[in-house]
Amino acid sequence: MLANCLVVALGGAAGAVLRYLAGLVPLREPFEFPVKTFAVNGVGCFLIGAIAALALKGARVDARTALFLRTGLCGGFTTFSTFAFESVSLIEKGRVGVAALYVGLSAACGILAVLLAQWVIQNQ
């Protein structure tokens, strides 16, 4: 149990550092749309979908490696709390349409990223 917790903590730390670095990428966010958070969540969804598909395909993924990648890395990297905060901030600024677009696209693209990753892995 302690070893699993340490593996998750290491993955979470790595994911959090990667998320921080992604936030430093100098991008101009059009229409106040949170591009970086959107991209991070899409990449995280793709990664977790790929990990799941590899396991379904019969790839021997060690249980601790899966914990490190799924729970730790993806959990530390993706940013649902930031997503929620940015959505509320957009609404408070009167940018309800942009907020709705952000919420809808984030959900749809996250689901599509998982499906795409699974499809890519299964069709190799």
Protein backbone atom coordinates (compact mmCIF):
# COMPACT_ATOMS: atom_id res chain seq x y z
CA MET A 1 0.00 0.00 0.00
CA LEU A 2 2.75 2.46 0.93
CA ALA A 3 4.67 1.63 -2.25
CA ASN A 4 1.54 2.28 -4.34
CA CYS A 5 1.03 5.62 -2.60
CA LEU A 6 4.61 6.59 -3.36
CA VAL A 7 4.21 5.60 -7.02
CA VAL A 8 1.05 7.72 -7.30
CA ALA A 9 2.77 10.63 -5.53
CA LEU A 10 5.73 10.49 -7.93
CA GLY A 11 3.43 10.38 -10.94
CA GLY A 12 1.32 13.20 -9.53
CA ALA A 13 4.41 15.32 -8.95
CA ALA A 14 5.61 14.69 -12.50
CA GLY A 15 2.16 15.51 -13.89
CA ALA A 16 1.91 18.69 -11.83
CA VAL A 17 5.32 19.88 -13.02
CA LEU A 18 4.37 19.15 -16.63
CA ARG A 19 1.11 21.07 -16.12
CA TYR A 20 3.05 24.02 -14.68
CA LEU A 21 5.43 24.00 -17.66
CA ALA A 22 2.50 23.84 -20.09
CA GLY A 23 1.10 26.93 -18.38
CA LEU A 24 4.32 28.79 -19.14
CA VAL A 25 3.98 28.29 -22.90
CA PRO A 26 3.51 31.78 -24.33
CA LEU A 27 0.18 31.58 -26.14
CA ARG A 28 -2.24 34.35 -26.82
CA GLU A 29 -5.63 33.08 -25.76
CA PRO A 30 -8.22 34.24 -28.33
CA PHE A 31 -11.53 35.52 -27.01
CA GLU A 32 -10.33 34.72 -23.48
CA PHE A 33 -10.71 31.01 -24.34
CA PRO A 34 -8.41 29.02 -21.98
CA VAL A 35 -6.41 27.29 -24.73
CA LYS A 36 -3.67 25.88 -22.50
CA THR A 37 -6.03 24.25 -20.00
CA PHE A 38 -8.12 22.93 -22.89
CA ALA A 39 -5.02 21.43 -24.55
CA VAL A 40 -3.69 19.93 -21.31
CA ASN A 41 -7.00 18.22 -20.62
CA GLY A 42 -7.17 16.90 -24.19
CA VAL A 43 -3.64 15.48 -24.01
CA GLY A 44 -4.38 13.95 -20.61
CA CYS A 45 -7.56 12.34 -21.91
CA PHE A 46 -5.68 10.94 -24.91
CA LEU A 47 -2.95 9.56 -22.66
CA ILE A 48 -5.35 7.86 -20.26
CA GLY A 49 -7.28 6.44 -23.24
CA ALA A 50 -4.06 5.07 -24.72
CA ILE A 51 -3.08 3.45 -21.42
CA ALA A 52 -6.50 1.81 -21.13
CA ALA A 53 -6.39 0.61 -24.74
CA LEU A 54 -2.93 -0.89 -24.29
CA ALA A 55 -4.19 -2.84 -21.30
CA LEU A 56 -7.22 -4.05 -23.29
CA LYS A 57 -4.96 -5.02 -26.18
CA GLY A 58 -3.09 -7.33 -23.86
CA ALA A 59 -0.01 -5.21 -23.28
CA ARG A 60 1.61 -6.20 -20.05
CA VAL A 61 1.38 -2.99 -18.07
CA ASP A 62 2.65 -3.47 -14.55
CA ALA A 63 0.01 -2.47 -11.96
CA ARG A 64 2.36 0.10 -10.42
CA THR A 65 3.20 1.55 -13.82
CA ALA A 66 -0.52 1.92 -14.50
CA LEU A 67 -0.96 3.64 -11.13
CA PHE A 68 1.95 5.96 -11.91
CA LEU A 69 0.58 6.87 -15.34
CA ARG A 70 -3.20 6.95 -14.84
CA THR A 71 -3.73 8.05 -11.27
CA GLY A 72 -0.48 9.91 -10.75
CA LEU A 73 0.68 11.47 -14.01
CA CYS A 74 -2.72 12.03 -15.64
CA GLY A 75 -4.28 13.05 -12.34
CA GLY A 76 -1.54 15.60 -11.66
CA PHE A 77 -1.39 16.81 -15.25
CA THR A 78 -5.04 17.36 -16.08
CA THR A 79 -6.79 20.28 -14.57
CA PHE A 80 -10.46 19.86 -13.86
CA SER A 81 -10.38 22.29 -10.95
CA THR A 82 -8.72 24.92 -13.14
CA PHE A 83 -11.26 24.18 -15.87
CA ALA A 84 -14.12 24.76 -13.43
CA PHE A 85 -12.57 27.96 -12.08
CA GLU A 86 -11.95 29.37 -15.57
CA SER A 87 -15.52 28.51 -16.59
CA VAL A 88 -16.94 30.39 -13.61
CA SER A 89 -14.58 33.32 -14.24
CA LEU A 90 -15.79 33.58 -17.83
CA ILE A 91 -19.42 33.56 -16.66
CA GLU A 92 -18.69 36.22 -14.03
CA LYS A 93 -17.12 38.40 -16.75
CA GLY A 94 -20.31 38.10 -18.78
CA ARG A 95 -18.67 35.78 -21.33
CA VAL A 96 -21.41 33.17 -21.02
CA GLY A 97 -21.15 32.10 -24.66
CA VAL A 98 -17.40 31.56 -24.43
CA ALA A 99 -17.90 29.65 -21.17
CA ALA A 100 -20.53 27.42 -22.76
CA LEU A 101 -18.27 26.79 -25.75
CA TYR A 102 -15.37 25.96 -23.42
CA VAL A 103 -17.43 23.55 -21.31
CA GLY A 104 -19.01 21.84 -24.32
CA LEU A 105 -15.80 21.53 -26.31
CA SER A 106 -13.83 20.33 -23.29
CA ALA A 107 -16.29 17.55 -22.54
CA ALA A 108 -16.73 16.50 -26.18
CA CYS A 109 -13.02 16.66 -27.04
CA GLY A 110 -12.05 14.83 -23.86
CA ILE A 111 -14.35 11.96 -24.70
CA LEU A 112 -13.21 11.97 -28.33
CA ALA A 113 -9.54 11.97 -27.24
CA VAL A 114 -10.10 8.85 -25.14
CA LEU A 115 -11.92 7.14 -28.02
CA LEU A 116 -9.26 8.19 -30.52
CA ALA A 117 -6.45 6.86 -28.36
CA GLN A 118 -8.24 3.55 -27.93
CA TRP A 119 -8.90 3.32 -31.65
CA VAL A 120 -5.25 4.13 -32.52
CA ILE A 121 -3.92 1.52 -30.10
CA GLN A 122 -6.40 -1.17 -31.11
CA ASN A 123 -5.72 -0.68 -34.82
CA GLN A 124 -1.95 -0.91 -34.76
